[in-house]
Amino acid sequence: MSENLIIAAFTEGLNITKEVSSKDTWNFVREKQGGAVSAMDVGYYQTAAASMEKFFSRRKNIVGEARLPYIIAYAAGELVNNAPAHVVLDLRNLISEAIPVEHSSGEKSPLGFGYSIEHNTFREMTTNDPGVVDAFTQANKISSNIFDTLREKRRFDMESKFASGMGSGRPDFSRMTPTLRKSTEQT
């Protein structure tokens, strides 16, 4: 882990409000959605995914779980920025897209940044790939543990800011976590 890169990731998160309107962010979202985008399509999560894609594309030697400290540092910068709501959801999505999971094909790989844009995981969805469910389940646990730690520390009401927009209390990801399609639905 590099302290300088942790600072760089934190700074990227801190600059999220500036990056919402960047050409790189809009191009990333356009590519992931497969067509034209509007201001309604480009928000903080989309900006976070574009930023992390760019951050790690320049650091190809940081892969898998080794990306998590940098993603968490990014979310910390986003939290300190104090503008974005749903920091916990942004973090959950970024983690789910970065950790390698075993897919139904037998391949072990991450979902890739922007998976939530491509597959609209912001609503209920089902999948045939247990790796997708595993990625989101792991990310839910990590994000919830971070929330619990922030709550335990009771500093500057950070847990409320972290989970802002997700209701009061511990974040509930149940409606935004993909579920495995039952075998009768597969046909």
C-alpha atoms as a PDB file:
ATOM      1  CA  MET A   1       0.000   0.000   0.000  1.00  0.00           C
ATOM      2  CA  SER A   2       1.320   3.424  -0.896  1.00  0.00           C
ATOM      3  CA  GLU A   3       0.637   6.375   1.374  1.00  0.00           C
ATOM      4  CA  ASN A   4       0.984   8.732  -1.587  1.00  0.00           C
ATOM      5  CA  LEU A   5      -1.613   6.771  -3.559  1.00  0.00           C
ATOM      6  CA  ILE A   6      -3.969   6.726  -0.563  1.00  0.00           C
ATOM      7  CA  ILE A   7      -3.689  10.526  -0.490  1.00  0.00           C
ATOM      8  CA  ALA A   8      -4.233  10.650  -4.267  1.00  0.00           C
ATOM      9  CA  ALA A   9      -7.375   8.477  -3.973  1.00  0.00           C
ATOM     10  CA  PHE A  10      -8.671  10.615  -1.085  1.00  0.00           C
ATOM     11  CA  THR A  11      -8.068  13.754  -3.170  1.00  0.00           C
ATOM     12  CA  GLU A  12      -9.955  12.213  -6.110  1.00  0.00           C
ATOM     13  CA  GLY A  13     -12.939  11.653  -3.800  1.00  0.00           C
ATOM     14  CA  LEU A  14     -12.624  15.147  -2.398  1.00  0.00           C
ATOM     15  CA  ASN A  15     -12.907  16.507  -5.964  1.00  0.00           C
ATOM     16  CA  ILE A  16     -16.032  14.519  -6.880  1.00  0.00           C
ATOM     17  CA  THR A  17     -18.246  17.589  -7.297  1.00  0.00           C
ATOM     18  CA  LYS A  18     -15.815  19.011  -9.853  1.00  0.00           C
ATOM     19  CA  GLU A  19     -15.586  15.717 -11.742  1.00  0.00           C
ATOM     20  CA  VAL A  20     -19.366  15.344 -12.250  1.00  0.00           C
ATOM     21  CA  SER A  21     -19.179  17.647 -15.232  1.00  0.00           C
ATOM     22  CA  SER A  22     -15.877  16.399 -16.673  1.00  0.00           C
ATOM     23  CA  LYS A  23     -15.753  15.103 -20.220  1.00  0.00           C
ATOM     24  CA  ASP A  24     -14.094  11.863 -19.016  1.00  0.00           C
ATOM     25  CA  THR A  25     -17.002  11.136 -16.664  1.00  0.00           C
ATOM     26  CA  TRP A  26     -19.619  11.728 -19.346  1.00  0.00           C
ATOM     27  CA  ASN A  27     -17.703   9.574 -21.866  1.00  0.00           C
ATOM     28  CA  PHE A  28     -17.432   6.763 -19.293  1.00  0.00           C
ATOM     29  CA  VAL A  29     -21.183   6.841 -18.603  1.00  0.00           C
ATOM     30  CA  ARG A  30     -21.978   7.036 -22.337  1.00  0.00           C
ATOM     31  CA  GLU A  31     -19.821   3.945 -22.936  1.00  0.00           C
ATOM     32  CA  LYS A  32     -21.377   1.988 -20.034  1.00  0.00           C
ATOM     33  CA  GLN A  33     -24.963   2.889 -20.971  1.00  0.00           C
ATOM     34  CA  GLY A  34     -24.352   2.264 -24.628  1.00  0.00           C
ATOM     35  CA  GLY A  35     -25.760   5.528 -25.905  1.00  0.00           C
ATOM     36  CA  ALA A  36     -26.515   9.167 -25.324  1.00  0.00           C
ATOM     37  CA  VAL A  37     -26.605  10.455 -21.747  1.00  0.00           C
ATOM     38  CA  SER A  38     -28.219  13.413 -20.054  1.00  0.00           C
ATOM     39  CA  ALA A  39     -27.601  15.225 -16.786  1.00  0.00           C
ATOM     40  CA  MET A  40     -30.041  12.761 -15.179  1.00  0.00           C
ATOM     41  CA  ASP A  41     -27.666   9.906 -16.076  1.00  0.00           C
ATOM     42  CA  VAL A  42     -24.505  11.416 -14.582  1.00  0.00           C
ATOM     43  CA  GLY A  43     -24.421  11.634 -10.805  1.00  0.00           C
ATOM     44  CA  TYR A  44     -21.988  11.038  -7.986  1.00  0.00           C
ATOM     45  CA  TYR A  45     -21.850   7.248  -8.261  1.00  0.00           C
ATOM     46  CA  GLN A  46     -21.225   7.466 -12.015  1.00  0.00           C
ATOM     47  CA  THR A  47     -18.495  10.013 -11.319  1.00  0.00           C
ATOM     48  CA  ALA A  48     -16.979   7.767  -8.638  1.00  0.00           C
ATOM     49  CA  ALA A  49     -16.935   4.763 -10.993  1.00  0.00           C
ATOM     50  CA  ALA A  50     -15.347   6.836 -13.773  1.00  0.00           C
ATOM     51  CA  SER A  51     -12.757   8.227 -11.353  1.00  0.00           C
ATOM     52  CA  MET A  52     -11.835   4.803 -10.009  1.00  0.00           C
ATOM     53  CA  GLU A  53     -11.631   3.353 -13.530  1.00  0.00           C
ATOM     54  CA  LYS A  54      -9.208   6.131 -14.493  1.00  0.00           C
ATOM     55  CA  PHE A  55      -7.279   5.866 -11.194  1.00  0.00           C
ATOM     56  CA  PHE A  56      -6.652   2.130 -11.568  1.00  0.00           C
ATOM     57  CA  SER A  57      -6.094   2.205 -15.335  1.00  0.00           C
ATOM     58  CA  ARG A  58      -2.905   4.120 -14.523  1.00  0.00           C
ATOM     59  CA  ARG A  59      -1.999   1.605 -11.790  1.00  0.00           C
ATOM     60  CA  LYS A  60      -2.499  -1.792 -13.391  1.00  0.00           C
ATOM     61  CA  ASN A  61      -0.392  -3.502 -10.721  1.00  0.00           C
ATOM     62  CA  ILE A  62      -3.073  -2.838  -8.063  1.00  0.00           C
ATOM     63  CA  VAL A  63      -5.693  -5.543  -8.544  1.00  0.00           C
ATOM     64  CA  GLY A  64      -8.408  -7.376  -6.627  1.00  0.00           C
ATOM     65  CA  GLU A  65      -8.665  -6.816  -2.887  1.00  0.00           C
ATOM     66  CA  ALA A  66      -5.536  -4.631  -3.019  1.00  0.00           C
ATOM     67  CA  ARG A  67      -7.795  -1.944  -4.494  1.00  0.00           C
ATOM     68  CA  LEU A  68     -10.014  -1.731  -1.405  1.00  0.00           C
ATOM     69  CA  PRO A  69      -7.876   0.675   0.682  1.00  0.00           C
ATOM     70  CA  TYR A  70      -7.789   3.113  -2.240  1.00  0.00           C
ATOM     71  CA  ILE A  71     -11.531   2.804  -2.845  1.00  0.00           C
ATOM     72  CA  ILE A  72     -12.185   3.407   0.859  1.00  0.00           C
ATOM     73  CA  ALA A  73      -9.833   6.424   0.770  1.00  0.00           C
ATOM     74  CA  TYR A  74     -11.776   7.723  -2.247  1.00  0.00           C
ATOM     75  CA  ALA A  75     -15.067   7.352  -0.334  1.00  0.00           C
ATOM     76  CA  ALA A  76     -13.506   9.138   2.656  1.00  0.00           C
ATOM     77  CA  GLY A  77     -12.665  12.064   0.368  1.00  0.00           C
ATOM     78  CA  GLU A  78     -16.200  11.984  -0.997  1.00  0.00           C
ATOM     79  CA  LEU A  79     -17.511  12.041   2.584  1.00  0.00           C
ATOM     80  CA  VAL A  80     -15.294  14.974   3.570  1.00  0.00           C
ATOM     81  CA  ASN A  81     -16.458  16.832   0.438  1.00  0.00           C
ATOM     82  CA  ASN A  82     -19.841  16.843   2.198  1.00  0.00           C
ATOM     83  CA  ALA A  83     -21.878  17.296  -0.990  1.00  0.00           C
ATOM     84  CA  PRO A  84     -22.779  13.800  -2.191  1.00  0.00           C
ATOM     85  CA  ALA A  85     -25.562  11.839  -0.561  1.00  0.00           C
ATOM     86  CA  HIS A  86     -25.392   8.050  -0.647  1.00  0.00           C
ATOM     87  CA  VAL A  87     -21.626   7.814  -0.022  1.00  0.00           C
ATOM     88  CA  VAL A  88     -22.267   4.385   1.521  1.00  0.00           C
ATOM     89  CA  LEU A  89     -24.015   3.254  -1.669  1.00  0.00           C
ATOM     90  CA  ASP A  90     -21.240   4.633  -3.872  1.00  0.00           C
ATOM     91  CA  LEU A  91     -18.702   2.763  -1.737  1.00  0.00           C
ATOM     92  CA  ARG A  92     -20.753  -0.436  -1.811  1.00  0.00           C
ATOM     93  CA  ASN A  93     -20.996  -0.326  -5.598  1.00  0.00           C
ATOM     94  CA  LEU A  94     -17.290   0.437  -6.082  1.00  0.00           C
ATOM     95  CA  ILE A  95     -16.278  -2.417  -3.774  1.00  0.00           C
ATOM     96  CA  SER A  96     -18.664  -4.844  -5.491  1.00  0.00           C
ATOM     97  CA  GLU A  97     -17.138  -3.903  -8.837  1.00  0.00           C
ATOM     98  CA  ALA A  98     -13.524  -4.312  -7.675  1.00  0.00           C
ATOM     99  CA  ILE A  99     -13.375  -7.577  -5.726  1.00  0.00           C
ATOM    100  CA  PRO A 100     -12.780 -10.732  -7.737  1.00  0.00           C
ATOM    101  CA  VAL A 101     -15.582 -13.295  -7.496  1.00  0.00           C
ATOM    102  CA  GLU A 102     -16.165 -16.674  -9.084  1.00  0.00           C
ATOM    103  CA  HIS A 103     -18.731 -16.461 -11.861  1.00  0.00           C
ATOM    104  CA  SER A 104     -21.023 -19.181 -13.177  1.00  0.00           C
ATOM    105  CA  SER A 105     -18.510 -19.685 -16.002  1.00  0.00           C
ATOM    106  CA  GLY A 106     -15.901 -20.727 -13.413  1.00  0.00           C
ATOM    107  CA  GLU A 107     -13.812 -17.630 -14.145  1.00  0.00           C
ATOM    108  CA  LYS A 108     -12.720 -15.506 -11.172  1.00  0.00           C
ATOM    109  CA  SER A 109     -12.731 -11.794 -11.957  1.00  0.00           C
ATOM    110  CA  PRO A 110     -14.162  -8.493 -10.738  1.00  0.00           C
ATOM    111  CA  LEU A 111     -17.401  -7.155 -12.188  1.00  0.00           C
ATOM    112  CA  GLY A 112     -15.568  -4.021 -13.356  1.00  0.00           C
ATOM    113  CA  PHE A 113     -16.193  -0.372 -12.590  1.00  0.00           C
ATOM    114  CA  GLY A 114     -19.475   0.763 -14.056  1.00  0.00           C
ATOM    115  CA  TYR A 115     -21.231  -2.604 -13.651  1.00  0.00           C
ATOM    116  CA  SER A 116     -23.978  -0.850 -11.683  1.00  0.00           C
ATOM    117  CA  ILE A 117     -24.455   1.614 -14.538  1.00  0.00           C
ATOM    118  CA  GLU A 118     -24.663  -1.128 -17.167  1.00  0.00           C
ATOM    119  CA  HIS A 119     -27.032  -3.304 -15.145  1.00  0.00           C
ATOM    120  CA  ASN A 120     -28.959  -0.670 -13.153  1.00  0.00           C
ATOM    121  CA  THR A 121     -28.413  -2.274  -9.750  1.00  0.00           C
ATOM    122  CA  PHE A 122     -30.192   0.665  -8.108  1.00  0.00           C
ATOM    123  CA  ARG A 123     -33.432  -1.289  -8.316  1.00  0.00           C
ATOM    124  CA  GLU A 124     -34.333  -4.916  -7.761  1.00  0.00           C
ATOM    125  CA  MET A 125     -32.595  -7.213 -10.196  1.00  0.00           C
ATOM    126  CA  THR A 126     -32.051 -10.931 -10.641  1.00  0.00           C
ATOM    127  CA  THR A 127     -29.101 -12.668 -12.240  1.00  0.00           C
ATOM    128  CA  ASN A 128     -28.020 -16.159 -13.246  1.00  0.00           C
ATOM    129  CA  ASP A 129     -24.469 -15.431 -12.044  1.00  0.00           C
ATOM    130  CA  PRO A 130     -23.792 -16.276  -8.389  1.00  0.00           C
ATOM    131  CA  GLY A 131     -20.597 -14.206  -8.608  1.00  0.00           C
ATOM    132  CA  VAL A 132     -22.660 -11.034  -8.985  1.00  0.00           C
ATOM    133  CA  VAL A 133     -24.662 -11.850  -5.859  1.00  0.00           C
ATOM    134  CA  ASP A 134     -21.447 -12.719  -3.992  1.00  0.00           C
ATOM    135  CA  ALA A 135     -19.767  -9.437  -5.009  1.00  0.00           C
ATOM    136  CA  PHE A 136     -22.660  -7.328  -3.771  1.00  0.00           C
ATOM    137  CA  THR A 137     -23.095  -9.409  -0.608  1.00  0.00           C
ATOM    138  CA  GLN A 138     -19.415  -8.959   0.296  1.00  0.00           C
ATOM    139  CA  ALA A 139     -19.571  -5.242  -0.515  1.00  0.00           C
ATOM    140  CA  ASN A 140     -22.723  -4.816   1.609  1.00  0.00           C
ATOM    141  CA  LYS A 141     -20.937  -6.382   4.572  1.00  0.00           C
ATOM    142  CA  ILE A 142     -17.811  -4.227   4.205  1.00  0.00           C
ATOM    143  CA  SER A 143     -19.824  -1.011   3.769  1.00  0.00           C
ATOM    144  CA  SER A 144     -22.053  -1.834   6.733  1.00  0.00           C
ATOM    145  CA  ASN A 145     -18.985  -2.571   8.879  1.00  0.00           C
ATOM    146  CA  ILE A 146     -17.558   0.839   7.967  1.00  0.00           C
ATOM    147  CA  PHE A 147     -20.882   2.418   8.951  1.00  0.00           C
ATOM    148  CA  ASP A 148     -20.771   0.554  12.289  1.00  0.00           C
ATOM    149  CA  THR A 149     -17.213   1.760  12.924  1.00  0.00           C
ATOM    150  CA  LEU A 150     -18.178   5.350  12.161  1.00  0.00           C
ATOM    151  CA  ARG A 151     -21.152   5.030  14.502  1.00  0.00           C
ATOM    152  CA  GLU A 152     -18.925   3.587  17.226  1.00  0.00           C
ATOM    153  CA  LYS A 153     -16.433   6.469  16.937  1.00  0.00           C
ATOM    154  CA  ARG A 154     -19.212   9.104  17.124  1.00  0.00           C
ATOM    155  CA  ARG A 155     -17.153  11.817  15.502  1.00  0.00           C
ATOM    156  CA  PHE A 156     -18.883  14.737  13.807  1.00  0.00           C
ATOM    157  CA  ASP A 157     -21.984  12.658  13.008  1.00  0.00           C
ATOM    158  CA  MET A 158     -20.034  10.979  10.197  1.00  0.00           C
ATOM    159  CA  GLU A 159     -22.189   7.832  10.129  1.00  0.00           C
ATOM    160  CA  SER A 160     -25.243   9.962   9.288  1.00  0.00           C
ATOM    161  CA  LYS A 161     -23.353  11.759   6.531  1.00  0.00           C
ATOM    162  CA  PHE A 162     -21.960   8.454   5.259  1.00  0.00           C
ATOM    163  CA  ALA A 163     -25.423   6.895   4.984  1.00  0.00           C
ATOM    164  CA  SER A 164     -27.254  10.095   4.020  1.00  0.00           C
ATOM    165  CA  GLY A 165     -30.120   9.380   1.667  1.00  0.00           C
ATOM    166  CA  MET A 166     -30.456   5.755   2.789  1.00  0.00           C
ATOM    167  CA  GLY A 167     -32.924   6.452   5.608  1.00  0.00           C
ATOM    168  CA  SER A 168     -32.083   6.539   9.270  1.00  0.00           C
ATOM    169  CA  GLY A 169     -29.991   3.905  10.995  1.00  0.00           C
ATOM    170  CA  ARG A 170     -27.855   1.196   9.466  1.00  0.00           C
ATOM    171  CA  PRO A 171     -28.062   1.163   5.644  1.00  0.00           C
ATOM    172  CA  ASP A 172     -30.440  -1.388   4.148  1.00  0.00           C
ATOM    173  CA  PHE A 173     -29.165  -2.628   0.799  1.00  0.00           C
ATOM    174  CA  SER A 174     -31.754  -5.402   0.454  1.00  0.00           C
ATOM    175  CA  ARG A 175     -33.712  -3.849  -2.424  1.00  0.00           C
ATOM    176  CA  MET A 176     -30.523  -2.845  -4.248  1.00  0.00           C
ATOM    177  CA  THR A 177     -28.718  -6.176  -4.028  1.00  0.00           C
ATOM    178  CA  PRO A 178     -29.028  -8.542  -6.968  1.00  0.00           C
ATOM    179  CA  THR A 179     -30.588 -11.915  -6.207  1.00  0.00           C
ATOM    180  CA  LEU A 180     -29.967 -15.237  -7.854  1.00  0.00           C
ATOM    181  CA  ARG A 181     -32.664 -16.172 -10.367  1.00  0.00           C
ATOM    182  CA  LYS A 182     -34.531 -19.325  -9.373  1.00  0.00           C
ATOM    183  CA  SER A 183     -34.090 -22.252 -11.747  1.00  0.00           C
ATOM    184  CA  THR A 184     -37.733 -22.089 -12.909  1.00  0.00           C
ATOM    185  CA  GLU A 185     -37.158 -18.477 -14.037  1.00  0.00           C
ATOM    186  CA  GLN A 186     -34.124 -19.446 -16.126  1.00  0.00           C
ATOM    187  CA  THR A 187     -36.129 -21.000 -18.946  1.00  0.00           C
END
